[in-house]
Amino acid sequence: MTPKILIIDDEKHMCWALERAMKQEGYQVLTANNGPDGLELLKQEGPSLVILDLRMPGMDGMEVLKCIKEIQPKLPVIILTAHGTIDSAIEAMKNGAIDYLTKPFDLDELKIVIKNALLLNQLATEVTFLRSELTKNYSIMIGKSPTIVEINQLIERVATTNATVLITGESGTGKEVAAVSIHQASPRCDNPFVTVNCAALPEQLLESELFGHEKGAFTGAITKKLGRFELAHKGTIFLDEIGDMPLSMQVKLLRVLQEKSFERVGGTETHKIDVRVIAATNRELTEAIRKGLFREDLYYRLNVIHIQLPPLRERKEDIPLLAEHFLEKLSHIYRVKKISSDAMEMICTYNWPGNIRELQNVIERAAIICEDEEILPFHLPPELQKPSKTVIGTVVRFPDEGISLEEVEKQLIMKALEKSKGNQTKAAQLLNITRSALLYRTQKYGISLMY
């Protein structure tokens, strides 16, 4: 689409000269000789850029600029004037002008300014579009189970605030999806969503990644680098795998959360930031605190709002919805259009130790190897086609044999802990309950966790 330029200048000869020059560059051109006419054209025609004279009778350029920014905040505006002063230039830039040229000006310079402004505006539009494309599928957590419905309601309530959120759950349960959902439903949705995997980088690199560094801060720092907190200004930063952050970094993160400021590595200047923090982990942070691996004060600072995501095996009714969702995303790439009832039954009865991530991989694998439009049982991995094995031997005896229901449950828990060598998460998986439910029952029955 050919860019459309609106020229607002009370000098008719200036309008004529600029219109001629802009048309030679291939632009569409609109002209107005006063502010009100220019604003009317702006509303009717939707130009790509405005060239605006600062000094005009009646409604002056500064007034027009403010009105333009109210109507179309991101529209680039270039100010022209024969009465340029430093103060007026500063005021124009504060009010949203992208550049300021004094008459008489170099026409070639104006052409370059216009070209750069249009390019930057186009890139900004593309970035906004791509960001919305990347996150539009995360508007809500998919599911109809009571737990997921409750989580979606909590996300809606939390999103409108700036409260720090801690998302916990097993690996693959959708913690990043929940974080993006919060960001997308928040007033910060048009600003950056920046992700940091705290477990993926060594301590020295993690500090530079989070806070940036100055040139010469360390060997290899040949230029200044902005950190993720700076890049997330006015938006949201998602600190994934926060439970794996080194203790020394936890101290620095705590200061950022408390003071909303930081210094780059090798720098002395304090930078203020406006960032919403969402953290996630699959670790039991209370256990890490007990072992001295995680700071208790940081935990309470992060845990303002807590969202616990359930494993997929505890929300079986959501499996068909998720499977269909992943299939729909793949339908424009592969021929496959549906999942047979037998295949869906296998998918629903499987235990999904890898949670939603494993389900997504299974659906994609089946779509790749399926040569028809329907996924059948033999397209699924072997582990889904085998009936589930009972992991723990039967210990049930009837009441007339002298054993109560509580004793049966106690024996099952003890066997699960023995089989998992004391690993509480694995024991909970064997019993098909959450870890917190396991801990509650061990306390109830006085079962030692030392195996």
Protein backbone atom coordinates (compact mmCIF):
# COMPACT_ATOMS: atom_id res chain seq x y z
CA MET A 1 0.00 0.00 0.00
CA THR A 2 1.38 3.42 -1.01
CA PRO A 3 2.02 5.61 2.07
CA LYS A 4 -0.28 8.62 2.41
CA ILE A 5 1.24 11.88 3.68
CA LEU A 6 -0.81 14.73 5.16
CA ILE A 7 0.73 18.24 4.94
CA ILE A 8 -0.73 20.94 7.26
CA ASP A 9 0.73 24.40 6.59
CA ASP A 10 -0.91 27.82 6.31
CA GLU A 11 1.55 28.87 3.55
CA LYS A 12 -0.04 27.69 0.28
CA HIS A 13 3.18 27.85 -1.69
CA MET A 14 4.89 25.63 0.91
CA CYS A 15 2.05 23.10 0.66
CA TRP A 16 2.37 23.13 -3.14
CA ALA A 17 6.16 22.66 -3.07
CA LEU A 18 6.00 19.82 -0.52
CA GLU A 19 3.12 18.12 -2.35
CA ARG A 20 5.06 18.15 -5.60
CA ALA A 21 8.24 16.79 -3.95
CA MET A 22 6.36 14.02 -2.10
CA LYS A 23 4.46 12.93 -5.24
CA GLN A 24 7.80 12.64 -7.06
CA GLU A 25 8.83 10.16 -4.32
CA GLY A 26 5.73 8.08 -5.06
CA TYR A 27 3.65 9.05 -2.01
CA GLN A 28 -0.03 9.91 -1.96
CA VAL A 29 -0.42 13.49 -0.67
CA LEU A 30 -3.17 15.39 1.19
CA THR A 31 -2.92 19.10 2.06
CA ALA A 32 -4.67 21.45 4.48
CA ASN A 33 -4.00 25.15 5.19
CA ASN A 34 -5.18 25.16 8.81
CA GLY A 35 -5.43 22.93 11.87
CA PRO A 36 -9.17 22.10 11.85
CA ASP A 37 -9.15 21.13 8.15
CA GLY A 38 -6.04 19.02 8.72
CA LEU A 39 -7.63 17.15 11.65
CA GLU A 40 -10.75 16.50 9.57
CA LEU A 41 -8.61 14.99 6.78
CA LEU A 42 -6.77 12.95 9.40
CA LYS A 43 -10.04 11.38 10.60
CA GLN A 44 -11.35 10.76 7.07
CA GLU A 45 -8.22 9.56 5.25
CA GLY A 46 -6.01 7.91 7.89
CA PRO A 47 -2.58 9.10 6.62
CA SER A 48 0.69 7.24 7.26
CA LEU A 49 2.58 10.40 8.32
CA VAL A 50 1.92 14.12 8.98
CA ILE A 51 4.13 17.11 8.10
CA LEU A 52 2.97 19.94 10.36
CA ASP A 53 3.81 23.65 10.46
CA LEU A 54 4.30 24.91 14.02
CA ARG A 55 3.22 28.55 13.56
CA MET A 56 -0.28 28.94 12.08
CA PRO A 57 -3.05 31.49 12.76
CA GLY A 58 -5.92 30.31 14.93
CA MET A 59 -5.10 26.78 15.96
CA ASP A 60 -1.28 26.56 16.12
CA GLY A 61 0.82 23.49 15.32
CA MET A 62 1.42 22.49 18.95
CA GLU A 63 -2.35 22.34 19.54
CA VAL A 64 -2.82 20.33 16.35
CA LEU A 65 -0.02 17.95 17.40
CA LYS A 66 -1.74 17.22 20.73
CA CYS A 67 -5.03 16.53 18.93
CA ILE A 68 -3.31 14.21 16.44
CA LYS A 69 -1.79 12.19 19.29
CA GLU A 70 -5.21 11.88 20.94
CA ILE A 71 -6.76 10.60 17.70
CA GLN A 72 -3.86 8.42 16.51
CA PRO A 73 -1.13 8.11 19.20
CA LYS A 74 1.38 6.15 17.09
CA LEU A 75 1.14 8.29 13.92
CA PRO A 76 4.55 9.84 13.04
CA VAL A 77 4.50 13.67 12.94
CA ILE A 78 7.32 15.86 11.59
CA ILE A 79 7.31 19.52 12.72
CA LEU A 80 8.39 22.32 10.34
CA THR A 81 8.83 25.95 11.38
CA ALA A 82 10.59 29.16 10.40
CA HIS A 83 10.76 30.21 14.07
CA GLY A 84 12.66 27.35 15.64
CA THR A 85 13.85 27.55 19.23
CA ILE A 86 15.30 24.94 21.57
CA ASP A 87 12.28 25.24 23.90
CA SER A 88 9.75 24.73 21.11
CA ALA A 89 11.74 21.76 19.79
CA ILE A 90 11.77 20.12 23.23
CA GLU A 91 8.05 20.76 23.71
CA ALA A 92 7.23 19.30 20.28
CA MET A 93 9.23 16.13 20.97
CA LYS A 94 7.59 15.76 24.40
CA ASN A 95 4.20 16.00 22.74
CA GLY A 96 5.04 13.16 20.38
CA ALA A 97 6.73 14.62 17.28
CA ILE A 98 9.39 12.30 15.83
CA ASP A 99 11.51 15.07 14.30
CA TYR A 100 11.83 18.84 14.04
CA LEU A 101 13.16 20.77 11.00
CA THR A 102 13.69 24.53 10.69
CA LYS A 103 12.73 26.48 7.55
CA PRO A 104 14.46 26.83 5.18
CA PHE A 105 15.23 23.10 5.31
CA ASP A 106 17.09 20.74 3.02
CA LEU A 107 14.51 18.84 0.94
CA ASP A 108 16.75 15.77 0.69
CA GLU A 109 17.07 15.73 4.48
CA LEU A 110 13.27 15.86 4.81
CA LYS A 111 12.92 12.94 2.38
CA ILE A 112 15.33 10.85 4.46
CA VAL A 113 13.49 11.72 7.69
CA ILE A 114 10.16 10.71 6.10
CA LYS A 115 11.55 7.47 4.71
CA ASN A 116 13.05 6.46 8.07
CA ALA A 117 9.89 7.41 9.97
CA LEU A 118 7.68 5.33 7.65
CA LEU A 119 10.05 2.37 7.90
CA LEU A 120 10.14 2.50 11.71
CA ASN A 121 6.35 2.78 11.84
CA GLN A 122 5.99 -0.21 9.53
CA LEU A 123 8.40 -2.27 11.64
CA ALA A 124 6.56 -1.32 14.84
CA THR A 125 3.27 -2.41 13.24
CA GLU A 126 4.79 -5.73 12.16
CA VAL A 127 6.24 -6.36 15.63
CA THR A 128 2.84 -5.67 17.22
CA PHE A 129 1.17 -8.03 14.74
CA LEU A 130 3.73 -10.80 15.24
CA ARG A 131 3.52 -10.47 19.01
CA SER A 132 -0.25 -10.80 18.86
CA GLU A 133 0.06 -13.81 16.54
CA LEU A 134 2.48 -15.51 18.93
CA THR A 135 0.28 -15.03 21.94
CA LYS A 136 -3.29 -15.05 20.60
CA ASN A 137 -3.69 -18.80 21.24
CA TYR A 138 -2.91 -18.24 24.91
CA SER A 139 -5.89 -16.03 25.75
CA ILE A 140 -7.13 -18.64 28.23
CA MET A 141 -6.04 -22.01 29.58
CA ILE A 142 -7.86 -24.67 27.55
CA GLY A 143 -10.15 -26.89 29.61
CA LYS A 144 -13.57 -27.34 31.18
CA SER A 145 -12.51 -29.11 34.38
CA PRO A 146 -13.46 -27.26 37.59
CA THR A 147 -9.79 -26.62 38.40
CA ILE A 148 -9.03 -25.00 35.03
CA VAL A 149 -12.25 -22.96 35.10
CA GLU A 150 -11.22 -21.67 38.53
CA ILE A 151 -7.67 -20.91 37.31
CA ASN A 152 -9.00 -18.95 34.31
CA GLN A 153 -11.22 -16.92 36.61
CA LEU A 154 -8.24 -16.21 38.87
CA ILE A 155 -6.13 -15.18 35.85
CA GLU A 156 -8.83 -12.67 34.81
CA ARG A 157 -8.91 -11.13 38.30
CA VAL A 158 -5.13 -11.05 38.73
CA ALA A 159 -4.40 -9.67 35.25
CA THR A 160 -5.83 -6.24 35.99
CA THR A 161 -3.41 -5.76 38.91
CA ASN A 162 0.37 -5.39 39.07
CA ALA A 163 0.70 -8.13 41.69
CA THR A 164 3.63 -10.54 41.41
CA VAL A 165 2.48 -14.05 40.52
CA LEU A 166 4.08 -17.42 41.31
CA ILE A 167 2.97 -20.30 39.07
CA THR A 168 3.81 -23.82 40.23
CA GLY A 169 3.21 -27.25 38.79
CA GLU A 170 4.94 -30.22 37.22
CA SER A 171 6.99 -29.82 34.07
CA GLY A 172 4.78 -29.56 31.00
CA THR A 173 1.61 -28.40 32.77
CA GLY A 174 1.46 -25.05 30.91
CA LYS A 175 3.10 -22.56 33.27
CA GLU A 176 4.29 -20.29 30.44
CA VAL A 177 0.84 -20.44 28.82
CA ALA A 178 -0.65 -19.22 32.12
CA ALA A 179 1.94 -16.42 32.31
CA VAL A 180 1.20 -15.25 28.76
CA SER A 181 -2.54 -15.41 29.52
CA ILE A 182 -2.04 -13.04 32.46
CA HIS A 183 0.02 -10.65 30.32
CA GLN A 184 -2.46 -10.70 27.43
CA ALA A 185 -5.40 -9.94 29.73
CA SER A 186 -3.54 -7.10 31.47
CA PRO A 187 -3.23 -3.37 30.65
CA ARG A 188 0.41 -4.16 29.72
CA CYS A 189 -0.62 -6.38 26.79
CA ASP A 190 0.69 -3.95 24.13
CA ASN A 191 4.13 -3.88 25.78
CA PRO A 192 6.85 -6.57 25.83
CA PHE A 193 6.49 -10.04 27.33
CA VAL A 194 10.07 -11.14 28.07
CA THR A 195 10.99 -14.69 29.11
CA VAL A 196 14.09 -15.78 31.04
CA ASN A 197 14.89 -19.44 31.78
CA CYS A 198 16.76 -19.19 35.07
CA ALA A 199 18.00 -22.79 34.82
CA ALA A 200 19.46 -22.49 31.33
CA LEU A 201 22.31 -20.07 32.07
CA PRO A 202 25.30 -20.20 34.46
CA GLU A 203 25.30 -17.63 37.27
CA GLN A 204 27.70 -15.16 35.59
CA LEU A 205 25.71 -15.08 32.34
CA LEU A 206 22.36 -14.98 34.14
CA GLU A 207 23.23 -11.70 35.88
CA SER A 208 24.21 -10.09 32.58
CA GLU A 209 21.09 -11.52 30.91
CA LEU A 210 18.78 -10.12 33.58
CA PHE A 211 20.39 -6.73 34.22
CA GLY A 212 22.62 -6.12 31.17
CA HIS A 213 26.24 -4.97 31.26
CA GLU A 214 28.39 -1.99 30.39
CA LYS A 215 31.10 -2.06 27.77
CA GLY A 216 34.28 -3.54 29.26
CA ALA A 217 32.48 -4.97 32.32
CA PHE A 218 34.20 -8.31 31.70
CA THR A 219 36.24 -10.09 29.05
CA GLY A 220 34.14 -10.24 25.89
CA ALA A 221 31.87 -7.33 26.83
CA ILE A 222 32.79 -5.30 23.76
CA THR A 223 29.54 -3.31 23.73
CA LYS A 224 26.88 -2.21 26.18
CA LYS A 225 24.01 -4.71 26.52
CA LEU A 226 20.49 -4.09 27.78
CA GLY A 227 19.20 -6.71 30.21
CA ARG A 228 15.85 -8.50 30.14
CA PHE A 229 14.43 -6.27 32.89
CA GLU A 230 15.20 -3.18 30.82
CA LEU A 231 13.71 -4.76 27.70
CA ALA A 232 10.55 -5.62 29.64
CA HIS A 233 10.00 -2.00 30.79
CA LYS A 234 6.24 -1.24 30.93
CA GLY A 235 5.56 -4.91 30.18
CA THR A 236 5.95 -8.29 31.88
CA ILE A 237 9.01 -10.42 32.66
CA PHE A 238 8.51 -14.17 33.08
CA LEU A 239 11.16 -15.83 35.25
CA ASP A 240 10.85 -19.52 34.41
CA GLU A 241 12.48 -22.19 36.62
CA ILE A 242 12.94 -19.64 39.40
CA GLY A 243 13.62 -22.49 41.84
CA ASP A 244 16.96 -23.12 40.09
CA MET A 245 18.24 -19.56 40.48
CA PRO A 246 21.54 -19.39 42.45
CA LEU A 247 21.32 -17.88 45.95
CA SER A 248 23.60 -14.96 45.05
CA MET A 249 21.25 -14.00 42.20
CA GLN A 250 18.23 -14.37 44.46
CA VAL A 251 19.58 -11.53 46.62
CA LYS A 252 19.87 -9.24 43.57
CA LEU A 253 16.42 -10.20 42.31
CA LEU A 254 14.92 -9.45 45.72
CA ARG A 255 16.37 -5.93 45.58
CA VAL A 256 14.84 -5.35 42.13
CA LEU A 257 11.44 -6.49 43.38
CA GLN A 258 11.67 -4.25 46.45
CA GLU A 259 13.17 -1.10 44.92
CA LYS A 260 12.10 -1.39 41.25
CA SER A 261 15.65 -0.49 40.22
CA PHE A 262 18.97 -2.12 39.27
CA GLU A 263 22.49 -1.46 37.97
CA ARG A 264 24.01 -3.08 34.91
CA VAL A 265 27.01 -5.35 35.45
CA GLY A 266 30.07 -3.11 35.56
CA GLY A 267 27.94 0.03 35.88
CA THR A 268 27.17 2.49 38.68
CA GLU A 269 24.08 4.23 37.32
CA THR A 270 20.78 3.11 38.90
CA HIS A 271 18.01 2.40 36.41
CA LYS A 272 14.34 2.60 37.43
CA ILE A 273 11.94 0.11 35.84
CA ASP A 274 8.22 -0.53 35.64
CA VAL A 275 7.88 -4.29 35.17
CA ARG A 276 5.31 -6.87 36.22
CA VAL A 277 7.03 -10.05 37.45
CA ILE A 278 5.64 -13.56 36.96
CA ALA A 279 7.75 -16.49 38.18
CA ALA A 280 7.31 -20.23 37.71
CA THR A 281 8.86 -23.43 39.01
CA ASN A 282 8.25 -27.17 39.14
CA ARG A 283 10.18 -27.43 42.40
CA GLU A 284 8.73 -27.40 45.91
CA LEU A 285 10.05 -24.02 47.08
CA THR A 286 9.09 -24.63 50.71
CA GLU A 287 11.30 -27.72 50.64
CA ALA A 288 14.11 -25.72 48.96
CA ILE A 289 13.78 -23.09 51.72
CA ARG A 290 14.09 -25.79 54.39
CA LYS A 291 17.28 -27.05 52.72
CA GLY A 292 18.72 -23.53 52.43
CA LEU A 293 18.53 -23.48 48.63
CA PHE A 294 15.94 -20.72 48.29
CA ARG A 295 15.51 -17.47 50.21
CA GLU A 296 12.36 -17.31 52.31
CA ASP A 297 12.05 -13.53 51.90
CA LEU A 298 12.19 -13.88 48.10
CA TYR A 299 9.57 -16.62 48.22
CA TYR A 300 7.12 -14.37 50.06
CA ARG A 301 7.88 -11.50 47.70
CA LEU A 302 7.11 -13.71 44.68
CA ASN A 303 4.18 -15.58 46.20
CA VAL A 304 1.74 -12.65 46.35
CA ILE A 305 -0.62 -14.55 44.05
CA HIS A 306 -0.12 -18.31 43.77
CA ILE A 307 -1.45 -20.36 40.84
CA GLN A 308 -1.00 -24.14 41.16
CA LEU A 309 -1.43 -25.93 37.83
CA PRO A 310 -2.68 -29.51 38.10
CA PRO A 311 -1.03 -32.39 36.21
CA LEU A 312 -2.91 -33.64 33.16
CA ARG A 313 -3.78 -36.94 34.85
CA GLU A 314 -5.89 -34.98 37.35
CA ARG A 315 -7.93 -33.23 34.64
CA LYS A 316 -8.86 -36.12 32.33
CA GLU A 317 -11.95 -34.33 31.03
CA ASP A 318 -9.68 -31.70 29.43
CA ILE A 319 -7.64 -34.21 27.39
CA PRO A 320 -10.04 -34.40 24.38
CA LEU A 321 -10.23 -30.58 24.21
CA LEU A 322 -6.44 -30.25 24.30
CA ALA A 323 -5.92 -33.02 21.74
CA GLU A 324 -8.41 -31.39 19.34
CA HIS A 325 -6.77 -28.00 19.90
CA PHE A 326 -3.31 -29.32 18.99
CA LEU A 327 -4.75 -31.16 15.99
CA GLU A 328 -6.44 -28.00 14.73
CA LYS A 329 -3.13 -26.12 14.90
CA LEU A 330 -1.54 -28.84 12.73
CA SER A 331 -4.40 -29.25 10.26
CA HIS A 332 -3.06 -26.60 7.87
CA ILE A 333 0.30 -28.43 7.68
CA TYR A 334 -0.76 -32.09 7.54
CA ARG A 335 -3.73 -33.91 5.98
CA VAL A 336 -5.09 -35.18 9.28
CA LYS A 337 -8.44 -33.71 10.38
CA LYS A 338 -9.74 -35.85 13.26
CA ILE A 339 -8.95 -38.46 15.90
CA SER A 340 -10.84 -41.76 15.88
CA SER A 341 -12.87 -42.71 18.94
CA ASP A 342 -10.59 -45.69 19.70
CA ALA A 343 -7.47 -43.51 19.46
CA MET A 344 -9.09 -40.84 21.64
CA GLU A 345 -9.96 -43.49 24.25
CA MET A 346 -6.30 -44.54 24.38
CA ILE A 347 -5.24 -40.90 24.69
CA CYS A 348 -7.69 -40.31 27.54
CA THR A 349 -6.72 -43.41 29.57
CA TYR A 350 -2.95 -42.82 29.37
CA ASN A 351 -1.35 -41.37 32.52
CA TRP A 352 0.65 -38.55 30.78
CA PRO A 353 3.78 -38.26 32.95
CA GLY A 354 4.98 -35.53 30.58
CA ASN A 355 1.68 -33.65 30.90
CA ILE A 356 0.43 -31.26 28.19
CA ARG A 357 3.82 -31.02 26.49
CA GLU A 358 3.88 -34.80 26.02
CA LEU A 359 0.31 -34.77 24.70
CA GLN A 360 1.21 -32.09 22.15
CA ASN A 361 4.23 -34.13 20.98
CA VAL A 362 2.11 -37.29 20.66
CA ILE A 363 -0.53 -35.52 18.54
CA GLU A 364 2.16 -34.01 16.29
CA ARG A 365 3.89 -37.39 15.89
CA ALA A 366 0.57 -39.03 14.97
CA ALA A 367 -0.23 -36.26 12.49
CA ILE A 368 3.15 -36.72 10.79
CA ILE A 369 2.90 -40.51 10.35
CA CYS A 370 -0.82 -40.54 9.54
CA GLU A 371 -1.32 -40.81 5.77
CA ASP A 372 -5.06 -40.26 5.89
CA GLU A 373 -7.37 -37.69 7.51
CA GLU A 374 -7.98 -39.67 10.71
CA ILE A 375 -5.60 -40.61 13.51
CA LEU A 376 -6.06 -44.29 14.39
CA PRO A 377 -4.74 -46.29 17.38
CA PHE A 378 -1.71 -47.66 15.49
CA HIS A 379 -0.56 -44.07 14.78
CA LEU A 380 -0.03 -43.54 18.51
CA PRO A 381 3.24 -44.38 20.33
CA PRO A 382 3.58 -47.94 21.75
CA GLU A 383 3.29 -46.77 25.36
CA LEU A 384 -0.25 -45.49 24.69
CA GLN A 385 -1.32 -48.74 23.04
CA LYS A 386 -0.34 -50.87 26.03
CA PRO A 387 -2.80 -51.21 28.92
CA SER A 388 -1.65 -49.47 32.10
CA LYS A 389 0.24 -51.72 34.47
CA THR A 390 -0.53 -51.75 38.16
CA VAL A 391 2.54 -50.36 39.79
CA ILE A 392 1.81 -51.37 43.36
CA GLY A 393 0.77 -54.84 44.44
CA THR A 394 -2.68 -55.29 45.93
CA VAL A 395 -2.75 -55.02 49.72
CA VAL A 396 -6.52 -55.03 50.25
CA ARG A 397 -8.10 -57.44 52.73
CA PHE A 398 -11.72 -57.30 53.80
CA PRO A 399 -12.77 -55.99 57.23
CA ASP A 400 -13.45 -59.46 58.63
CA GLU A 401 -9.76 -60.13 58.11
CA GLY A 402 -8.96 -57.33 60.56
CA ILE A 403 -7.80 -54.41 58.33
CA SER A 404 -9.41 -50.97 57.99
CA LEU A 405 -9.65 -48.68 54.95
CA GLU A 406 -7.18 -46.28 56.61
CA GLU A 407 -4.69 -49.12 57.03
CA VAL A 408 -5.02 -50.01 53.33
CA GLU A 409 -4.29 -46.38 52.38
CA LYS A 410 -1.34 -46.27 54.79
CA GLN A 411 0.17 -49.44 53.30
CA LEU A 412 -0.25 -48.10 49.74
CA ILE A 413 1.55 -44.88 50.67
CA MET A 414 4.38 -46.75 52.37
CA LYS A 415 4.80 -49.07 49.38
CA ALA A 416 4.83 -46.10 46.98
CA LEU A 417 7.50 -44.32 49.04
CA GLU A 418 9.53 -47.52 49.24
CA LYS A 419 9.28 -48.13 45.49
CA SER A 420 10.25 -44.51 44.70
CA LYS A 421 13.14 -44.63 47.24
CA GLY A 422 11.60 -41.75 49.18
CA ASN A 423 11.07 -39.47 46.15
CA GLN A 424 7.82 -37.77 47.13
CA THR A 425 6.94 -36.54 43.63
CA LYS A 426 7.37 -40.03 42.11
CA ALA A 427 5.45 -41.62 44.98
CA ALA A 428 2.58 -39.20 44.38
CA GLN A 429 2.61 -40.09 40.66
CA LEU A 430 2.43 -43.80 41.48
CA LEU A 431 -0.59 -43.15 43.68
CA ASN A 432 -2.14 -40.77 41.11
CA ILE A 433 -2.44 -37.96 43.68
CA THR A 434 -0.74 -34.58 44.10
CA ARG A 435 2.41 -34.22 46.19
CA SER A 436 0.58 -31.97 48.66
CA ALA A 437 -2.10 -34.68 49.07
CA LEU A 438 0.68 -37.22 49.72
CA LEU A 439 2.29 -35.01 52.38
CA TYR A 440 -1.08 -34.51 54.07
CA ARG A 441 -1.63 -38.27 54.28
CA THR A 442 1.88 -39.00 55.55
CA GLN A 443 1.33 -36.51 58.38
CA LYS A 444 -2.15 -37.96 59.04
CA TYR A 445 -0.82 -41.52 59.41
CA GLY A 446 2.53 -40.59 60.94
CA ILE A 447 4.52 -42.09 58.04
CA SER A 448 8.24 -41.27 57.97
CA LEU A 449 9.52 -39.75 54.72
CA MET A 450 13.05 -41.03 55.37
CA TYR A 451 13.43 -43.98 52.98
